[in-house]
């Protein structure tokens, strides 16, 4: 073995020793996490998520990344079946919910709104304030989801209702598996590149534990087709939905990315050359307890059919144009 080759091998071994510690089955050891003041595990870097959202808000063509929120707008249909004098939209962003409410209203009047910049994990509102609380595609970035649900229940008036939609379950499993396989093969281990999500089986317990009654939980899949894996990741950035977990790895080697794109196309690609990305949307409804709710059981059953199952499709496909 020549001296130059020996030097390269030694440097390679030194780099491996100085690199991330790997646990069983090639898993990288996660950096130390810490508990919030409420005792909840901090999974997400909220400051990073704030910066991601700020970059998205500054995009001139940001509307082209709203297609997933357009698919989830059907939660607003609920609001047309009853009068809610005062409502709160948590994580309202660009007032997407209010915009669709205005489009659906029969009268030519707009819903008056007021924007308040707050942290979703610490709601600065008094108890028994709102008749309705909405949240569309925001709660999956919350560290203390049980605590936030309890806060939502507290700010609702008796007989008030919470309606939410969040990404969960097996969302982006194609991207997750492709990155894990490619990184394991090229680098001998893998890190978390897709954020962890709440399982639909946990939602009922979370809502019940927060004090909600008359619970409704449903799940739907939205499948979007892209030219390739890179376009999937570009659109996630445009949505402000990039990974912000504390244990994320900020950069991937170029050859690992190319390998992941090839794995993605080989395992999940369509005959036309496009690749799918699956988003599992979890829908939830919970009421703040009130004595009148016993008399409205039949009404709630019919309302649930309209809002969550009336026009449901098991898989929705949208062709996304790209280069």
C-alpha atoms as a PDB file:
ATOM      1  CA  UNK A   1       0.000   0.000   0.000  1.00  0.00           C
ATOM      2  CA  UNK A   2       1.427   3.388  -1.011  1.00  0.00           C
ATOM      3  CA  UNK A   3       1.948   6.164   1.517  1.00  0.00           C
ATOM      4  CA  UNK A   4      -0.713   8.386  -0.096  1.00  0.00           C
ATOM      5  CA  UNK A   5      -3.324   5.631   0.108  1.00  0.00           C
ATOM      6  CA  UNK A   6      -2.357   4.945   3.726  1.00  0.00           C
ATOM      7  CA  UNK A   7      -2.858   8.630   4.611  1.00  0.00           C
ATOM      8  CA  UNK A   8      -6.310   8.654   2.981  1.00  0.00           C
ATOM      9  CA  UNK A   9      -7.348   5.518   4.879  1.00  0.00           C
ATOM     10  CA  UNK A  10      -6.148   6.960   8.194  1.00  0.00           C
ATOM     11  CA  UNK A  11      -8.016  10.194   7.575  1.00  0.00           C
ATOM     12  CA  UNK A  12     -11.118   8.193   6.737  1.00  0.00           C
ATOM     13  CA  UNK A  13     -10.840   6.239   9.992  1.00  0.00           C
ATOM     14  CA  UNK A  14     -10.279   9.435  11.985  1.00  0.00           C
ATOM     15  CA  UNK A  15     -13.314  10.999  10.356  1.00  0.00           C
ATOM     16  CA  UNK A  16     -15.448   8.018  11.334  1.00  0.00           C
ATOM     17  CA  UNK A  17     -14.285   8.202  14.939  1.00  0.00           C
ATOM     18  CA  UNK A  18     -15.061  11.906  15.086  1.00  0.00           C
ATOM     19  CA  UNK A  19     -18.417  11.490  13.385  1.00  0.00           C
ATOM     20  CA  UNK A  20     -21.849  10.802  14.846  1.00  0.00           C
ATOM     21  CA  UNK A  21     -22.133   7.914  17.265  1.00  0.00           C
ATOM     22  CA  UNK A  22     -24.194   5.086  15.852  1.00  0.00           C
ATOM     23  CA  UNK A  23     -26.378   2.860  17.941  1.00  0.00           C
ATOM     24  CA  UNK A  24     -27.954  -0.533  17.243  1.00  0.00           C
ATOM     25  CA  UNK A  25     -28.953  -1.295  13.665  1.00  0.00           C
ATOM     26  CA  UNK A  26     -26.912   1.636  12.360  1.00  0.00           C
ATOM     27  CA  UNK A  27     -29.070   4.314  13.987  1.00  0.00           C
ATOM     28  CA  UNK A  28     -27.325   7.553  14.808  1.00  0.00           C
ATOM     29  CA  UNK A  29     -27.569   8.505  18.455  1.00  0.00           C
ATOM     30  CA  UNK A  30     -29.834  11.515  18.895  1.00  0.00           C
ATOM     31  CA  UNK A  31     -28.510  14.692  20.482  1.00  0.00           C
ATOM     32  CA  UNK A  32     -29.666  15.401  24.002  1.00  0.00           C
ATOM     33  CA  UNK A  33     -33.255  16.562  24.197  1.00  0.00           C
ATOM     34  CA  UNK A  34     -34.623  18.620  27.028  1.00  0.00           C
ATOM     35  CA  UNK A  35     -37.971  19.040  28.717  1.00  0.00           C
ATOM     36  CA  UNK A  36     -40.071  22.168  28.473  1.00  0.00           C
ATOM     37  CA  UNK A  37     -41.377  23.912  31.556  1.00  0.00           C
ATOM     38  CA  UNK A  38     -44.584  21.908  31.257  1.00  0.00           C
ATOM     39  CA  UNK A  39     -42.716  18.605  31.277  1.00  0.00           C
ATOM     40  CA  UNK A  40     -43.264  17.824  27.577  1.00  0.00           C
ATOM     41  CA  UNK A  41     -40.450  16.510  25.405  1.00  0.00           C
ATOM     42  CA  UNK A  42     -39.108  19.104  22.987  1.00  0.00           C
ATOM     43  CA  UNK A  43     -39.022  17.275  19.654  1.00  0.00           C
ATOM     44  CA  UNK A  44     -39.106  20.336  17.386  1.00  0.00           C
ATOM     45  CA  UNK A  45     -36.947  23.436  17.197  1.00  0.00           C
ATOM     46  CA  UNK A  46     -39.670  26.075  17.294  1.00  0.00           C
ATOM     47  CA  UNK A  47     -37.272  28.926  16.464  1.00  0.00           C
ATOM     48  CA  UNK A  48     -36.218  27.143  13.282  1.00  0.00           C
ATOM     49  CA  UNK A  49     -39.843  26.536  12.304  1.00  0.00           C
ATOM     50  CA  UNK A  50     -40.533  30.238  12.825  1.00  0.00           C
ATOM     51  CA  UNK A  51     -37.661  31.142  10.493  1.00  0.00           C
ATOM     52  CA  UNK A  52     -38.928  28.672   7.880  1.00  0.00           C
ATOM     53  CA  UNK A  53     -42.403  30.233   7.990  1.00  0.00           C
ATOM     54  CA  UNK A  54     -40.935  33.730   7.702  1.00  0.00           C
ATOM     55  CA  UNK A  55     -38.998  32.742   4.563  1.00  0.00           C
ATOM     56  CA  UNK A  56     -42.150  31.279   3.043  1.00  0.00           C
ATOM     57  CA  UNK A  57     -44.140  34.436   3.834  1.00  0.00           C
ATOM     58  CA  UNK A  58     -41.581  36.470   1.851  1.00  0.00           C
ATOM     59  CA  UNK A  59     -41.961  34.348  -1.314  1.00  0.00           C
ATOM     60  CA  UNK A  60     -43.565  36.195  -4.224  1.00  0.00           C
ATOM     61  CA  UNK A  61     -44.880  32.948  -5.722  1.00  0.00           C
ATOM     62  CA  UNK A  62     -45.837  31.349  -2.413  1.00  0.00           C
ATOM     63  CA  UNK A  63     -49.425  30.738  -3.552  1.00  0.00           C
ATOM     64  CA  UNK A  64     -48.284  27.880  -5.786  1.00  0.00           C
ATOM     65  CA  UNK A  65     -47.487  25.829  -2.670  1.00  0.00           C
ATOM     66  CA  UNK A  66     -50.976  26.166  -1.155  1.00  0.00           C
ATOM     67  CA  UNK A  67     -52.435  23.128  -2.924  1.00  0.00           C
ATOM     68  CA  UNK A  68     -52.327  20.914   0.178  1.00  0.00           C
ATOM     69  CA  UNK A  69     -54.144  23.513   2.260  1.00  0.00           C
ATOM     70  CA  UNK A  70     -56.717  23.785  -0.540  1.00  0.00           C
ATOM     71  CA  UNK A  71     -57.402  20.057  -0.195  1.00  0.00           C
ATOM     72  CA  UNK A  72     -57.970  20.424   3.550  1.00  0.00           C
ATOM     73  CA  UNK A  73     -60.266  23.449   3.328  1.00  0.00           C
ATOM     74  CA  UNK A  74     -63.367  21.240   3.608  1.00  0.00           C
ATOM     75  CA  UNK A  75     -63.231  21.591   7.399  1.00  0.00           C
ATOM     76  CA  UNK A  76     -64.746  25.059   6.825  1.00  0.00           C
ATOM     77  CA  UNK A  77     -67.989  23.444   5.583  1.00  0.00           C
ATOM     78  CA  UNK A  78     -68.828  22.781   9.223  1.00  0.00           C
ATOM     79  CA  UNK A  79     -68.918  26.500   9.951  1.00  0.00           C
ATOM     80  CA  UNK A  80     -71.842  27.067   7.558  1.00  0.00           C
ATOM     81  CA  UNK A  81     -74.219  24.826   9.526  1.00  0.00           C
ATOM     82  CA  UNK A  82     -74.221  26.854  12.723  1.00  0.00           C
ATOM     83  CA  UNK A  83     -73.531  30.430  13.796  1.00  0.00           C
ATOM     84  CA  UNK A  84     -70.263  31.001  15.645  1.00  0.00           C
ATOM     85  CA  UNK A  85     -70.054  34.641  16.766  1.00  0.00           C
ATOM     86  CA  UNK A  86     -66.369  34.492  17.719  1.00  0.00           C
ATOM     87  CA  UNK A  87     -63.828  32.051  16.283  1.00  0.00           C
ATOM     88  CA  UNK A  88     -60.087  31.490  16.629  1.00  0.00           C
ATOM     89  CA  UNK A  89     -57.893  30.105  13.832  1.00  0.00           C
ATOM     90  CA  UNK A  90     -54.673  28.717  15.319  1.00  0.00           C
ATOM     91  CA  UNK A  91     -51.742  28.904  12.919  1.00  0.00           C
ATOM     92  CA  UNK A  92     -53.776  30.966  10.463  1.00  0.00           C
ATOM     93  CA  UNK A  93     -50.770  31.903   8.318  1.00  0.00           C
ATOM     94  CA  UNK A  94     -52.093  33.766   5.271  1.00  0.00           C
ATOM     95  CA  UNK A  95     -55.702  33.644   6.552  1.00  0.00           C
ATOM     96  CA  UNK A  96     -56.393  30.586   4.427  1.00  0.00           C
ATOM     97  CA  UNK A  97     -59.421  29.527   6.488  1.00  0.00           C
ATOM     98  CA  UNK A  98     -61.002  32.995   6.470  1.00  0.00           C
ATOM     99  CA  UNK A  99     -60.491  33.246   2.705  1.00  0.00           C
ATOM    100  CA  UNK A 100     -62.390  30.024   2.046  1.00  0.00           C
ATOM    101  CA  UNK A 101     -65.129  30.980   4.494  1.00  0.00           C
ATOM    102  CA  UNK A 102     -65.703  34.177   2.524  1.00  0.00           C
ATOM    103  CA  UNK A 103     -65.930  32.198  -0.731  1.00  0.00           C
ATOM    104  CA  UNK A 104     -68.530  29.832   0.750  1.00  0.00           C
ATOM    105  CA  UNK A 105     -70.797  32.421   2.379  1.00  0.00           C
ATOM    106  CA  UNK A 106     -74.054  33.073   0.536  1.00  0.00           C
ATOM    107  CA  UNK A 107     -74.226  36.746   1.467  1.00  0.00           C
ATOM    108  CA  UNK A 108     -71.800  39.160  -0.119  1.00  0.00           C
ATOM    109  CA  UNK A 109     -70.121  40.072   3.155  1.00  0.00           C
ATOM    110  CA  UNK A 110     -66.698  39.252   4.493  1.00  0.00           C
ATOM    111  CA  UNK A 111     -65.856  37.620   7.791  1.00  0.00           C
ATOM    112  CA  UNK A 112     -64.145  40.314   9.897  1.00  0.00           C
ATOM    113  CA  UNK A 113     -60.754  39.127  11.112  1.00  0.00           C
ATOM    114  CA  UNK A 114     -57.966  40.293  13.363  1.00  0.00           C
ATOM    115  CA  UNK A 115     -54.460  38.833  13.201  1.00  0.00           C
ATOM    116  CA  UNK A 116     -52.548  38.237  16.436  1.00  0.00           C
ATOM    117  CA  UNK A 117     -48.946  37.019  16.468  1.00  0.00           C
ATOM    118  CA  UNK A 118     -48.620  34.462  19.268  1.00  0.00           C
ATOM    119  CA  UNK A 119     -46.922  31.155  19.966  1.00  0.00           C
ATOM    120  CA  UNK A 120     -49.377  28.298  19.362  1.00  0.00           C
ATOM    121  CA  UNK A 121     -48.005  26.531  22.435  1.00  0.00           C
ATOM    122  CA  UNK A 122     -48.988  29.425  24.737  1.00  0.00           C
ATOM    123  CA  UNK A 123     -52.435  30.832  23.902  1.00  0.00           C
ATOM    124  CA  UNK A 124     -52.848  34.280  25.553  1.00  0.00           C
ATOM    125  CA  UNK A 125     -56.653  34.220  25.721  1.00  0.00           C
ATOM    126  CA  UNK A 126     -59.033  34.082  28.658  1.00  0.00           C
ATOM    127  CA  UNK A 127     -61.117  31.035  29.460  1.00  0.00           C
ATOM    128  CA  UNK A 128     -64.577  30.711  27.878  1.00  0.00           C
ATOM    129  CA  UNK A 129     -63.801  33.233  25.121  1.00  0.00           C
ATOM    130  CA  UNK A 130     -64.441  31.550  21.758  1.00  0.00           C
ATOM    131  CA  UNK A 131     -67.406  29.712  20.258  1.00  0.00           C
ATOM    132  CA  UNK A 132     -65.218  27.958  17.701  1.00  0.00           C
ATOM    133  CA  UNK A 133     -61.507  27.118  17.440  1.00  0.00           C
ATOM    134  CA  UNK A 134     -60.046  26.001  14.110  1.00  0.00           C
ATOM    135  CA  UNK A 135     -56.608  24.713  13.209  1.00  0.00           C
ATOM    136  CA  UNK A 136     -55.558  23.608   9.750  1.00  0.00           C
ATOM    137  CA  UNK A 137     -52.167  21.928   9.207  1.00  0.00           C
ATOM    138  CA  UNK A 138     -50.409  23.572  12.129  1.00  0.00           C
ATOM    139  CA  UNK A 139     -50.589  21.329  15.187  1.00  0.00           C
ATOM    140  CA  UNK A 140     -48.122  18.727  13.891  1.00  0.00           C
ATOM    141  CA  UNK A 141     -45.269  21.123  14.755  1.00  0.00           C
ATOM    142  CA  UNK A 142     -46.338  21.443  18.399  1.00  0.00           C
ATOM    143  CA  UNK A 143     -44.059  19.994  21.082  1.00  0.00           C
ATOM    144  CA  UNK A 144     -46.685  19.750  23.816  1.00  0.00           C
ATOM    145  CA  UNK A 145     -49.774  18.665  21.863  1.00  0.00           C
ATOM    146  CA  UNK A 146     -51.698  17.469  24.973  1.00  0.00           C
ATOM    147  CA  UNK A 147     -51.031  20.823  26.648  1.00  0.00           C
ATOM    148  CA  UNK A 148     -52.175  22.820  23.598  1.00  0.00           C
ATOM    149  CA  UNK A 149     -55.388  20.782  23.335  1.00  0.00           C
ATOM    150  CA  UNK A 150     -56.086  21.519  26.994  1.00  0.00           C
ATOM    151  CA  UNK A 151     -55.552  25.234  26.340  1.00  0.00           C
ATOM    152  CA  UNK A 152     -57.933  25.091  23.374  1.00  0.00           C
ATOM    153  CA  UNK A 153     -60.562  23.425  25.532  1.00  0.00           C
ATOM    154  CA  UNK A 154     -60.144  26.133  28.169  1.00  0.00           C
ATOM    155  CA  UNK A 155     -60.534  29.108  25.790  1.00  0.00           C
ATOM    156  CA  UNK A 156     -63.719  27.609  24.319  1.00  0.00           C
ATOM    157  CA  UNK A 157     -67.080  28.566  25.754  1.00  0.00           C
ATOM    158  CA  UNK A 158     -69.269  25.738  27.066  1.00  0.00           C
ATOM    159  CA  UNK A 159     -70.751  23.934  24.050  1.00  0.00           C
ATOM    160  CA  UNK A 160     -67.985  25.427  21.896  1.00  0.00           C
ATOM    161  CA  UNK A 161     -66.314  23.221  19.316  1.00  0.00           C
ATOM    162  CA  UNK A 162     -62.770  22.590  18.174  1.00  0.00           C
ATOM    163  CA  UNK A 163     -62.236  21.500  14.547  1.00  0.00           C
ATOM    164  CA  UNK A 164     -58.750  20.579  13.447  1.00  0.00           C
ATOM    165  CA  UNK A 165     -56.772  18.995  10.655  1.00  0.00           C
ATOM    166  CA  UNK A 166     -53.153  17.979  11.001  1.00  0.00           C
ATOM    167  CA  UNK A 167     -50.577  15.944   9.117  1.00  0.00           C
ATOM    168  CA  UNK A 168     -49.951  12.603  10.792  1.00  0.00           C
ATOM    169  CA  UNK A 169     -49.482   8.865  10.554  1.00  0.00           C
ATOM    170  CA  UNK A 170     -47.549   7.632   7.526  1.00  0.00           C
ATOM    171  CA  UNK A 171     -47.150  11.007   5.833  1.00  0.00           C
ATOM    172  CA  UNK A 172     -44.236  11.099   3.354  1.00  0.00           C
ATOM    173  CA  UNK A 173     -43.371   7.452   3.980  1.00  0.00           C
ATOM    174  CA  UNK A 174     -41.942   7.239   0.453  1.00  0.00           C
ATOM    175  CA  UNK A 175     -39.450  10.017   1.163  1.00  0.00           C
ATOM    176  CA  UNK A 176     -38.633   8.669   4.610  1.00  0.00           C
ATOM    177  CA  UNK A 177     -37.879   5.125   3.396  1.00  0.00           C
ATOM    178  CA  UNK A 178     -35.863   6.269   0.376  1.00  0.00           C
ATOM    179  CA  UNK A 179     -33.603   8.514   2.446  1.00  0.00           C
ATOM    180  CA  UNK A 180     -33.083   5.853   5.100  1.00  0.00           C
ATOM    181  CA  UNK A 181     -32.148   3.158   2.588  1.00  0.00           C
ATOM    182  CA  UNK A 182     -29.781   5.412   0.635  1.00  0.00           C
ATOM    183  CA  UNK A 183     -28.066   6.831   3.709  1.00  0.00           C
ATOM    184  CA  UNK A 184     -27.656   3.384   5.282  1.00  0.00           C
ATOM    185  CA  UNK A 185     -26.066   2.041   2.117  1.00  0.00           C
ATOM    186  CA  UNK A 186     -23.782   5.031   1.471  1.00  0.00           C
ATOM    187  CA  UNK A 187     -22.902   6.110   5.015  1.00  0.00           C
ATOM    188  CA  UNK A 188     -23.502   3.079   7.206  1.00  0.00           C
ATOM    189  CA  UNK A 189     -26.375   4.576   9.220  1.00  0.00           C
ATOM    190  CA  UNK A 190     -29.247   7.022   8.941  1.00  0.00           C
ATOM    191  CA  UNK A 191     -30.703  10.059  10.667  1.00  0.00           C
ATOM    192  CA  UNK A 192     -34.230  11.435  10.880  1.00  0.00           C
ATOM    193  CA  UNK A 193     -34.931  13.511   7.780  1.00  0.00           C
ATOM    194  CA  UNK A 194     -38.733  13.463   8.027  1.00  0.00           C
ATOM    195  CA  UNK A 195     -40.365  14.735  11.199  1.00  0.00           C
ATOM    196  CA  UNK A 196     -42.226  12.329  13.486  1.00  0.00           C
ATOM    197  CA  UNK A 197     -46.013  12.484  13.264  1.00  0.00           C
ATOM    198  CA  UNK A 198     -48.943  11.715  15.553  1.00  0.00           C
ATOM    199  CA  UNK A 199     -50.769   8.431  14.907  1.00  0.00           C
ATOM    200  CA  UNK A 200     -54.519   8.531  14.301  1.00  0.00           C
ATOM    201  CA  UNK A 201     -54.953   5.931  17.045  1.00  0.00           C
ATOM    202  CA  UNK A 202     -53.639   8.438  19.602  1.00  0.00           C
ATOM    203  CA  UNK A 203     -55.922  11.346  18.695  1.00  0.00           C
ATOM    204  CA  UNK A 204     -59.006  10.121  20.531  1.00  0.00           C
ATOM    205  CA  UNK A 205     -57.080   9.670  23.770  1.00  0.00           C
ATOM    206  CA  UNK A 206     -55.446  13.092  23.382  1.00  0.00           C
ATOM    207  CA  UNK A 207     -58.784  14.850  22.823  1.00  0.00           C
ATOM    208  CA  UNK A 208     -60.471  12.956  25.637  1.00  0.00           C
ATOM    209  CA  UNK A 209     -57.595  13.682  28.000  1.00  0.00           C
ATOM    210  CA  UNK A 210     -57.921  17.398  27.198  1.00  0.00           C
ATOM    211  CA  UNK A 211     -61.567  17.359  28.345  1.00  0.00           C
ATOM    212  CA  UNK A 212     -63.414  17.279  25.013  1.00  0.00           C
ATOM    213  CA  UNK A 213     -66.634  15.335  24.527  1.00  0.00           C
ATOM    214  CA  UNK A 214     -68.574  14.009  21.505  1.00  0.00           C
ATOM    215  CA  UNK A 215     -65.321  13.223  19.727  1.00  0.00           C
ATOM    216  CA  UNK A 216     -64.993  12.581  16.003  1.00  0.00           C
ATOM    217  CA  UNK A 217     -61.725  11.470  14.407  1.00  0.00           C
ATOM    218  CA  UNK A 218     -61.208  10.645  10.749  1.00  0.00           C
ATOM    219  CA  UNK A 219     -58.270  10.118   8.399  1.00  0.00           C
ATOM    220  CA  UNK A 220     -57.798  10.768   4.701  1.00  0.00           C
ATOM    221  CA  UNK A 221     -54.928  10.438   2.245  1.00  0.00           C
ATOM    222  CA  UNK A 222     -53.902  13.056  -0.281  1.00  0.00           C
ATOM    223  CA  UNK A 223     -51.432  11.837  -2.865  1.00  0.00           C
ATOM    224  CA  UNK A 224     -49.532  14.370  -4.968  1.00  0.00           C
ATOM    225  CA  UNK A 225     -47.411  13.419  -7.975  1.00  0.00           C
ATOM    226  CA  UNK A 226     -44.073  15.119  -8.694  1.00  0.00           C
ATOM    227  CA  UNK A 227     -41.421  14.850 -11.411  1.00  0.00           C
ATOM    228  CA  UNK A 228     -38.920  13.521  -8.862  1.00  0.00           C
ATOM    229  CA  UNK A 229     -37.755  13.468  -5.253  1.00  0.00           C
ATOM    230  CA  UNK A 230     -35.995  16.835  -5.509  1.00  0.00           C
ATOM    231  CA  UNK A 231     -39.277  18.494  -6.470  1.00  0.00           C
ATOM    232  CA  UNK A 232     -40.935  16.916  -3.424  1.00  0.00           C
ATOM    233  CA  UNK A 233     -38.335  18.470  -1.146  1.00  0.00           C
ATOM    234  CA  UNK A 234     -38.524  21.831  -2.953  1.00  0.00           C
ATOM    235  CA  UNK A 235     -42.276  22.018  -2.448  1.00  0.00           C
ATOM    236  CA  UNK A 236     -41.956  21.055   1.214  1.00  0.00           C
ATOM    237  CA  UNK A 237     -39.622  24.021   1.639  1.00  0.00           C
ATOM    238  CA  UNK A 238     -42.104  26.253  -0.209  1.00  0.00           C
ATOM    239  CA  UNK A 239     -44.878  25.128   2.153  1.00  0.00           C
ATOM    240  CA  UNK A 240     -42.728  25.806   5.206  1.00  0.00           C
ATOM    241  CA  UNK A 241     -42.945  22.099   6.045  1.00  0.00           C
ATOM    242  CA  UNK A 242     -39.255  21.198   6.121  1.00  0.00           C
ATOM    243  CA  UNK A 243     -37.997  19.114   9.015  1.00  0.00           C
ATOM    244  CA  UNK A 244     -37.200  21.067  12.186  1.00  0.00           C
ATOM    245  CA  UNK A 245     -36.682  18.227  14.651  1.00  0.00           C
ATOM    246  CA  UNK A 246     -33.776  18.640  17.050  1.00  0.00           C
ATOM    247  CA  UNK A 247     -32.248  15.327  15.921  1.00  0.00           C
ATOM    248  CA  UNK A 248     -32.298  16.226  12.223  1.00  0.00           C
ATOM    249  CA  UNK A 249     -29.166  16.189  10.095  1.00  0.00           C
ATOM    250  CA  UNK A 250     -28.834  19.513   8.331  1.00  0.00           C
ATOM    251  CA  UNK A 251     -26.907  18.322   5.258  1.00  0.00           C
ATOM    252  CA  UNK A 252     -26.724  15.193   3.142  1.00  0.00           C
ATOM    253  CA  UNK A 253     -23.901  14.222   0.818  1.00  0.00           C
ATOM    254  CA  UNK A 254     -24.622  14.694  -2.854  1.00  0.00           C
ATOM    255  CA  UNK A 255     -24.141  11.019  -3.717  1.00  0.00           C
ATOM    256  CA  UNK A 256     -26.552  10.056  -0.920  1.00  0.00           C
ATOM    257  CA  UNK A 257     -29.187  12.412  -2.311  1.00  0.00           C
ATOM    258  CA  UNK A 258     -28.769  11.009  -5.817  1.00  0.00           C
ATOM    259  CA  UNK A 259     -28.998   7.475  -4.466  1.00  0.00           C
ATOM    260  CA  UNK A 260     -32.161   8.356  -2.523  1.00  0.00           C
ATOM    261  CA  UNK A 261     -33.761   9.847  -5.629  1.00  0.00           C
ATOM    262  CA  UNK A 262     -32.977   6.659  -7.548  1.00  0.00           C
ATOM    263  CA  UNK A 263     -34.405   4.477  -4.758  1.00  0.00           C
ATOM    264  CA  UNK A 264     -37.519   6.654  -4.614  1.00  0.00           C
ATOM    265  CA  UNK A 265     -38.170   6.270  -8.338  1.00  0.00           C
ATOM    266  CA  UNK A 266     -37.391   2.555  -8.354  1.00  0.00           C
ATOM    267  CA  UNK A 267     -39.611   1.674  -5.383  1.00  0.00           C
ATOM    268  CA  UNK A 268     -42.518   4.080  -5.827  1.00  0.00           C
ATOM    269  CA  UNK A 269     -42.278   5.564  -9.325  1.00  0.00           C
ATOM    270  CA  UNK A 270     -45.206   5.603 -11.737  1.00  0.00           C
ATOM    271  CA  UNK A 271     -45.167   4.423 -15.325  1.00  0.00           C
ATOM    272  CA  UNK A 272     -45.226   8.015 -16.599  1.00  0.00           C
ATOM    273  CA  UNK A 273     -41.971   8.773 -14.736  1.00  0.00           C
ATOM    274  CA  UNK A 274     -43.514  10.750 -11.885  1.00  0.00           C
ATOM    275  CA  UNK A 275     -43.238   9.831  -8.205  1.00  0.00           C
ATOM    276  CA  UNK A 276     -45.978  10.034  -5.535  1.00  0.00           C
ATOM    277  CA  UNK A 277     -45.837  11.716  -2.147  1.00  0.00           C
ATOM    278  CA  UNK A 278     -48.523  10.699   0.332  1.00  0.00           C
ATOM    279  CA  UNK A 279     -49.905  13.065   2.962  1.00  0.00           C
ATOM    280  CA  UNK A 280     -52.073  11.481   5.660  1.00  0.00           C
ATOM    281  CA  UNK A 281     -54.479  14.094   7.007  1.00  0.00           C
ATOM    282  CA  UNK A 282     -56.017  13.562  10.438  1.00  0.00           C
ATOM    283  CA  UNK A 283     -59.340  15.331  11.052  1.00  0.00           C
ATOM    284  CA  UNK A 284     -60.761  15.863  14.526  1.00  0.00           C
ATOM    285  CA  UNK A 285     -63.815  17.412  16.183  1.00  0.00           C
ATOM    286  CA  UNK A 286     -64.251  17.887  19.923  1.00  0.00           C
ATOM    287  CA  UNK A 287     -66.860  19.776  21.927  1.00  0.00           C
ATOM    288  CA  UNK A 288     -66.511  21.485  25.273  1.00  0.00           C
ATOM    289  CA  UNK A 289     -69.011  19.752  27.571  1.00  0.00           C
ATOM    290  CA  UNK A 290     -72.449  21.314  28.068  1.00  0.00           C
ATOM    291  CA  UNK A 291     -75.740  19.939  29.347  1.00  0.00           C
ATOM    292  CA  UNK A 292     -77.504  20.546  26.013  1.00  0.00           C
ATOM    293  CA  UNK A 293     -75.209  18.164  24.128  1.00  0.00           C
ATOM    294  CA  UNK A 294     -77.169  15.078  25.167  1.00  0.00           C
ATOM    295  CA  UNK A 295     -80.130  16.321  23.125  1.00  0.00           C
ATOM    296  CA  UNK A 296     -78.013  16.919  20.023  1.00  0.00           C
ATOM    297  CA  UNK A 297     -76.565  13.461  19.450  1.00  0.00           C
ATOM    298  CA  UNK A 298     -78.579  12.879  16.269  1.00  0.00           C
ATOM    299  CA  UNK A 299     -77.637  16.314  14.938  1.00  0.00           C
ATOM    300  CA  UNK A 300     -73.961  15.662  15.558  1.00  0.00           C
ATOM    301  CA  UNK A 301     -74.120  12.327  13.731  1.00  0.00           C
ATOM    302  CA  UNK A 302     -75.574  13.948  10.619  1.00  0.00           C
ATOM    303  CA  UNK A 303     -73.130  16.841  10.873  1.00  0.00           C
ATOM    304  CA  UNK A 304     -70.183  14.465  10.998  1.00  0.00           C
ATOM    305  CA  UNK A 305     -71.349  12.724   7.824  1.00  0.00           C
ATOM    306  CA  UNK A 306     -71.473  16.061   6.017  1.00  0.00           C
ATOM    307  CA  UNK A 307     -68.168  17.465   7.189  1.00  0.00           C
ATOM    308  CA  UNK A 308     -65.913  14.436   7.172  1.00  0.00           C
ATOM    309  CA  UNK A 309     -67.452  11.676   5.083  1.00  0.00           C
ATOM    310  CA  UNK A 310     -69.939  13.221   2.684  1.00  0.00           C
ATOM    311  CA  UNK A 311     -67.525  13.730  -0.165  1.00  0.00           C
ATOM    312  CA  UNK A 312     -64.607  11.634   1.013  1.00  0.00           C
ATOM    313  CA  UNK A 313     -62.347   9.895  -1.468  1.00  0.00           C
ATOM    314  CA  UNK A 314     -59.991   7.221  -0.250  1.00  0.00           C
ATOM    315  CA  UNK A 315     -57.135   8.605  -2.303  1.00  0.00           C
ATOM    316  CA  UNK A 316     -57.028  11.992  -4.043  1.00  0.00           C
ATOM    317  CA  UNK A 317     -54.566  12.492  -6.822  1.00  0.00           C
ATOM    318  CA  UNK A 318     -53.373  15.778  -8.194  1.00  0.00           C
ATOM    319  CA  UNK A 319     -50.919  16.000 -11.028  1.00  0.00           C
ATOM    320  CA  UNK A 320     -48.240  18.606 -10.283  1.00  0.00           C
ATOM    321  CA  UNK A 321     -46.481  20.177 -13.190  1.00  0.00           C
ATOM    322  CA  UNK A 322     -42.736  20.527 -13.023  1.00  0.00           C
ATOM    323  CA  UNK A 323     -39.615  20.636 -15.079  1.00  0.00           C
END
